[in-house]
Amino acid sequence: MKKYIFSALAIAAMMVSCNNQSPKMDDQPAATSGDGLKIAYVEVDSLMTQYTFAKDYSVTLQKKSNNARNTLNQKGNALQAAAANFQQKLNNNGFQSREQAASQQAAIERQQRDLQELQARLENELASETAKFNEALRDSLQNFLKVYNQDKKYDLILAKSGDNILLGAKKLDVTQDVINGLNKRYKPSAKPAADAKKDEAKAEEKK
């Protein structure tokens, strides 16, 4: 679970590490290949760090990840303390009977099973929320591009991530134009913040 959460945190940290400079509209003419095919591409990394929706949602994902990690750490520490106390009493003949020792051992085992079930549930919740974000981001981008391309008339708009496009002329890059358009259309919602507060309240109840 810790590995999973730290991975989600790394993703969330990447999404919120944007520069705060106001981008300028990049209204360059469309690039056309020799056969008349019009092509453009969008830098995914820039989209994730400059699109306000992605930045807002990343805050929610990071809070969910932090809450899950804190909850698991607290319950894990409690389990370790209980196990250490049991072992100490066992070594010092601190139990009045075998039945008493067996009862406490069974309680610790139940505590461990509960922690494992909680870990699995929190992993699923975080994965579900991340999938929901990815789907919303994809829908938002696709819906915008349909409108955007009514005037631009591109035959192909590619997503550039890392080195999946080995070489692309700058005149093909419409990233800033797309980001500006997306941010202009975006209407922030109070829902992500409200969800984060609910998660924090649930985490407090579990302590």
Foldseek 3Di string as FASTA:
>chain_A
DVVLLVVLLVVLVLLQPADPDDDDADPFAFDADPVGATEAEAEPSNLSNQQVLNNLLSVLLNLLSVLLVVLLVVLVVVLVVLVVVLVVCVVVVVDPDPVRSVVSVVVSVVSVVVSVVSNVVSSVVSVVSVVVSVVVVVVLLVVQVVVVCVVNVHPYYYYDYDCPPVDDDPSRYNHSNSSVSSNVPDDDDCVSVVVSVVSNVVSVVSD
